[in-house]
Structures are given as C-alpha cells and as structure tokens.
Amino acid sequence: MLSRKPYLLRAIHEWICDNGMTPHVLVDCEQPGVEVPAEVIRDGRVVLNISPMAAHRLSMTNQGIDFSARFNGHERHIRFPPRAVLAIYARENGQGLMFSEADDGDEPPPDNPPVDPSSGSGGRPKLSVVK
C-alpha cells in the first residue's frame, strides 16, 4: 500500500488554512532528499512555515513537498520528502498531527488472511425484529 502520510499532510494543511491559522511542519533534516538552508537547522530539525503567504509555489505531492521561501531576505528553494515530516500543526494553537515511523512507507500485510464473504453457511439470511 502507498504511504498515507502525504495524504494526511495535504488534508491537515488544508484544514489549518481553512481555519485561518498558520501551518508549520517539523522536518527531520537528516533524512535523504531534504534540501533546506543549513543555517536554519537546529539539532538536525527545522520548523517551516508552509502557509500560502510564506511558502510560494507550494507543491505537496506523494513524492515530496516543494516551495520557495525567504530566509533573511533571500529567496531559497525548499524540498523534502513526506517521510522527513515529523509533525504538521497550527502555530496558533498547536493542533495537528505528529507522525511515527509506522506512518512511513508500505504497511506489512495483515497476519490473518481475509475471510471470503461468499464462503458462508450457504443458507438464506435471517432477519429478526429488535424491540
């Protein structure tokens, strides 16, 4: 299965913006594919404002988050994969989502095989009155 993380990121971003708040993402800069200015990285992480006012030409796809932003007056191109996002939240109240490693990548198949609904008892369905 595809990772659900990019879908959740887009949904929470839209929800935060629709409520008039400022979406921020916490990014793990040690993940491969992260391109952010080195001077803004603290302890291997960075918090980025991805509001429409701050993140110009924002693109959030299943492959990555991509935008331009200003740092100290200089426009810089930012890019990182969804797997690098540790959290997305509203700056104003902290509401949003934190992600675990289980949210990344494919999910393992279930331990129990699915039950075939056509392999029932073969009889007619029975309905009863519930009072």
C-alpha atoms as a PDB file:
ATOM      1  CA  MET A   1       0.000   0.000   0.000  1.00  0.00           C
ATOM      2  CA  LEU A   2       1.029   3.586  -0.540  1.00  0.00           C
ATOM      3  CA  SER A   3       2.037   5.627   2.468  1.00  0.00           C
ATOM      4  CA  ARG A   4      -0.854   7.581   3.953  1.00  0.00           C
ATOM      5  CA  LYS A   5       1.457  10.359   5.167  1.00  0.00           C
ATOM      6  CA  PRO A   6       1.316  12.597   2.028  1.00  0.00           C
ATOM      7  CA  TYR A   7      -2.481  12.417   2.063  1.00  0.00           C
ATOM      8  CA  LEU A   8      -2.647  13.325   5.755  1.00  0.00           C
ATOM      9  CA  LEU A   9      -0.194  16.195   5.247  1.00  0.00           C
ATOM     10  CA  ARG A  10      -2.343  17.689   2.472  1.00  0.00           C
ATOM     11  CA  ALA A  11      -5.546  17.246   4.473  1.00  0.00           C
ATOM     12  CA  ILE A  12      -4.197  18.792   7.688  1.00  0.00           C
ATOM     13  CA  HIS A  13      -2.572  21.645   5.724  1.00  0.00           C
ATOM     14  CA  GLU A  14      -5.921  22.441   4.100  1.00  0.00           C
ATOM     15  CA  TRP A  15      -7.777  22.163   7.429  1.00  0.00           C
ATOM     16  CA  ILE A  16      -5.358  24.532   9.177  1.00  0.00           C
ATOM     17  CA  CYS A  17      -5.550  27.089   6.337  1.00  0.00           C
ATOM     18  CA  ASP A  18      -9.363  26.837   6.150  1.00  0.00           C
ATOM     19  CA  ASN A  19      -9.477  27.750   9.839  1.00  0.00           C
ATOM     20  CA  GLY A  20      -7.404  30.885   9.258  1.00  0.00           C
ATOM     21  CA  MET A  21      -4.329  29.555  11.050  1.00  0.00           C
ATOM     22  CA  THR A  22      -0.675  29.123  10.065  1.00  0.00           C
ATOM     23  CA  PRO A  23       0.511  25.606   9.142  1.00  0.00           C
ATOM     24  CA  HIS A  24       4.013  24.657  10.288  1.00  0.00           C
ATOM     25  CA  VAL A  25       5.924  21.435   9.654  1.00  0.00           C
ATOM     26  CA  LEU A  26       8.682  19.911  11.751  1.00  0.00           C
ATOM     27  CA  VAL A  27      11.201  18.308   9.380  1.00  0.00           C
ATOM     28  CA  ASP A  28      13.931  15.777  10.143  1.00  0.00           C
ATOM     29  CA  CYS A  29      16.841  17.226   8.146  1.00  0.00           C
ATOM     30  CA  GLU A  30      18.875  14.031   8.448  1.00  0.00           C
ATOM     31  CA  GLN A  31      16.560  12.174   6.064  1.00  0.00           C
ATOM     32  CA  PRO A  32      17.787  11.774   2.468  1.00  0.00           C
ATOM     33  CA  GLY A  33      16.328  14.258  -0.007  1.00  0.00           C
ATOM     34  CA  VAL A  34      15.916  17.168   2.434  1.00  0.00           C
ATOM     35  CA  GLU A  35      17.011  20.490   0.927  1.00  0.00           C
ATOM     36  CA  VAL A  36      16.786  23.383   3.405  1.00  0.00           C
ATOM     37  CA  PRO A  37      19.252  26.187   4.248  1.00  0.00           C
ATOM     38  CA  ALA A  38      21.859  24.843   6.681  1.00  0.00           C
ATOM     39  CA  GLU A  39      21.689  27.981   8.821  1.00  0.00           C
ATOM     40  CA  VAL A  40      18.088  27.272   9.898  1.00  0.00           C
ATOM     41  CA  ILE A  41      18.706  23.675  11.017  1.00  0.00           C
ATOM     42  CA  ARG A  42      18.784  23.151  14.798  1.00  0.00           C
ATOM     43  CA  ASP A  43      19.608  19.726  16.265  1.00  0.00           C
ATOM     44  CA  GLY A  44      19.006  18.081  12.893  1.00  0.00           C
ATOM     45  CA  ARG A  45      15.498  19.525  12.602  1.00  0.00           C
ATOM     46  CA  VAL A  46      13.784  22.612  11.272  1.00  0.00           C
ATOM     47  CA  VAL A  47      10.318  24.120  11.673  1.00  0.00           C
ATOM     48  CA  LEU A  48       8.987  25.606   8.435  1.00  0.00           C
ATOM     49  CA  ASN A  49       6.004  27.875   7.875  1.00  0.00           C
ATOM     50  CA  ILE A  50       4.079  26.439   4.910  1.00  0.00           C
ATOM     51  CA  SER A  51       1.249  28.967   4.849  1.00  0.00           C
ATOM     52  CA  PRO A  52       0.258  30.406   1.455  1.00  0.00           C
ATOM     53  CA  MET A  53       1.835  33.744   2.472  1.00  0.00           C
ATOM     54  CA  ALA A  54       5.222  32.180   3.344  1.00  0.00           C
ATOM     55  CA  ALA A  55       5.567  29.188   1.007  1.00  0.00           C
ATOM     56  CA  HIS A  56       5.453  30.399  -2.592  1.00  0.00           C
ATOM     57  CA  ARG A  57       4.582  27.902  -5.342  1.00  0.00           C
ATOM     58  CA  LEU A  58       3.878  25.236  -2.720  1.00  0.00           C
ATOM     59  CA  SER A  59       3.531  21.738  -4.174  1.00  0.00           C
ATOM     60  CA  MET A  60       2.586  18.822  -1.926  1.00  0.00           C
ATOM     61  CA  THR A  61       2.736  15.539  -3.843  1.00  0.00           C
ATOM     62  CA  ASN A  62       3.201  11.926  -2.821  1.00  0.00           C
ATOM     63  CA  GLN A  63       6.882  12.271  -3.759  1.00  0.00           C
ATOM     64  CA  GLY A  64       7.693  15.495  -1.927  1.00  0.00           C
ATOM     65  CA  ILE A  65       6.933  18.953  -0.593  1.00  0.00           C
ATOM     66  CA  ASP A  66       8.430  21.707  -2.698  1.00  0.00           C
ATOM     67  CA  PHE A  67       8.283  25.526  -2.351  1.00  0.00           C
ATOM     68  CA  SER A  68      10.238  28.779  -2.250  1.00  0.00           C
ATOM     69  CA  ALA A  69      10.553  30.844   0.925  1.00  0.00           C
ATOM     70  CA  ARG A  70      12.511  33.832   2.184  1.00  0.00           C
ATOM     71  CA  PHE A  71      15.235  33.434   4.795  1.00  0.00           C
ATOM     72  CA  ASN A  72      16.972  36.638   5.929  1.00  0.00           C
ATOM     73  CA  GLY A  73      15.616  38.414   2.846  1.00  0.00           C
ATOM     74  CA  HIS A  74      16.904  35.831   0.354  1.00  0.00           C
ATOM     75  CA  GLU A  75      14.557  33.548  -1.545  1.00  0.00           C
ATOM     76  CA  ARG A  76      15.533  29.892  -1.186  1.00  0.00           C
ATOM     77  CA  HIS A  77      14.146  26.721  -2.720  1.00  0.00           C
ATOM     78  CA  ILE A  78      12.977  24.150  -0.145  1.00  0.00           C
ATOM     79  CA  ARG A  79      12.361  20.462  -0.852  1.00  0.00           C
ATOM     80  CA  PHE A  80      11.826  17.420   1.359  1.00  0.00           C
ATOM     81  CA  PRO A  81      10.108  14.037   1.112  1.00  0.00           C
ATOM     82  CA  PRO A  82       6.969  13.326   3.167  1.00  0.00           C
ATOM     83  CA  ARG A  83       8.878  10.712   5.190  1.00  0.00           C
ATOM     84  CA  ALA A  84      11.026  13.560   6.628  1.00  0.00           C
ATOM     85  CA  VAL A  85       7.989  15.297   8.189  1.00  0.00           C
ATOM     86  CA  LEU A  86       7.728  14.582  11.905  1.00  0.00           C
ATOM     87  CA  ALA A  87       4.680  16.808  12.553  1.00  0.00           C
ATOM     88  CA  ILE A  88       2.296  19.301  10.968  1.00  0.00           C
ATOM     89  CA  TYR A  89       0.468  21.720  13.244  1.00  0.00           C
ATOM     90  CA  ALA A  90      -1.118  25.164  13.567  1.00  0.00           C
ATOM     91  CA  ARG A  91       1.253  27.754  15.036  1.00  0.00           C
ATOM     92  CA  GLU A  92      -1.561  29.464  16.915  1.00  0.00           C
ATOM     93  CA  ASN A  93      -2.821  26.522  18.978  1.00  0.00           C
ATOM     94  CA  GLY A  94      -0.538  23.538  18.282  1.00  0.00           C
ATOM     95  CA  GLN A  95      -3.350  21.399  16.849  1.00  0.00           C
ATOM     96  CA  GLY A  96      -2.309  18.998  14.117  1.00  0.00           C
ATOM     97  CA  LEU A  97      -0.613  15.615  13.735  1.00  0.00           C
ATOM     98  CA  MET A  98       2.637  14.065  14.912  1.00  0.00           C
ATOM     99  CA  PHE A  99       3.859  11.115  12.875  1.00  0.00           C
ATOM    100  CA  SER A 100       5.549   7.912  13.950  1.00  0.00           C
ATOM    101  CA  GLU A 101       7.838   5.714  11.884  1.00  0.00           C
ATOM    102  CA  ALA A 102       4.857   3.413  11.286  1.00  0.00           C
ATOM    103  CA  ASP A 103       3.319   6.164   9.128  1.00  0.00           C
ATOM    104  CA  ASP A 104       6.163   5.888   6.612  1.00  0.00           C
ATOM    105  CA  GLY A 105       6.196   3.613   3.592  1.00  0.00           C
ATOM    106  CA  ASP A 106       4.319   0.446   2.954  1.00  0.00           C
ATOM    107  CA  GLU A 107       2.371  -1.313   5.623  1.00  0.00           C
ATOM    108  CA  PRO A 108       3.056  -5.002   6.201  1.00  0.00           C
ATOM    109  CA  PRO A 109       0.279  -7.379   5.177  1.00  0.00           C
ATOM    110  CA  PRO A 110      -2.109  -8.471   7.919  1.00  0.00           C
ATOM    111  CA  ASP A 111      -1.245 -11.636   9.853  1.00  0.00           C
ATOM    112  CA  ASN A 112      -4.661 -13.210   9.262  1.00  0.00           C
ATOM    113  CA  PRO A 113      -5.796 -13.895   5.698  1.00  0.00           C
ATOM    114  CA  PRO A 114      -9.000 -12.091   4.692  1.00  0.00           C
ATOM    115  CA  VAL A 115     -12.227 -14.052   5.067  1.00  0.00           C
ATOM    116  CA  ASP A 116     -14.116 -14.751   1.869  1.00  0.00           C
ATOM    117  CA  PRO A 117     -17.694 -13.477   2.408  1.00  0.00           C
ATOM    118  CA  SER A 118     -19.061 -15.961  -0.146  1.00  0.00           C
ATOM    119  CA  SER A 119     -17.917 -18.922   1.958  1.00  0.00           C
ATOM    120  CA  GLY A 120     -20.746 -18.559   4.483  1.00  0.00           C
ATOM    121  CA  SER A 121     -23.183 -21.217   5.665  1.00  0.00           C
ATOM    122  CA  GLY A 122     -24.973 -21.207   2.327  1.00  0.00           C
ATOM    123  CA  GLY A 123     -28.415 -20.712   3.912  1.00  0.00           C
ATOM    124  CA  ARG A 124     -30.777 -17.839   3.493  1.00  0.00           C
ATOM    125  CA  PRO A 125     -30.189 -14.725   5.569  1.00  0.00           C
ATOM    126  CA  LYS A 126     -32.395 -14.487   8.649  1.00  0.00           C
ATOM    127  CA  LEU A 127     -33.878 -11.263   9.920  1.00  0.00           C
ATOM    128  CA  SER A 128     -35.372 -10.778  13.346  1.00  0.00           C
ATOM    129  CA  VAL A 129     -37.367  -7.970  14.922  1.00  0.00           C
ATOM    130  CA  VAL A 130     -35.470  -5.965  17.525  1.00  0.00           C
ATOM    131  CA  LYS A 131     -37.584  -4.162  20.105  1.00  0.00           C
END
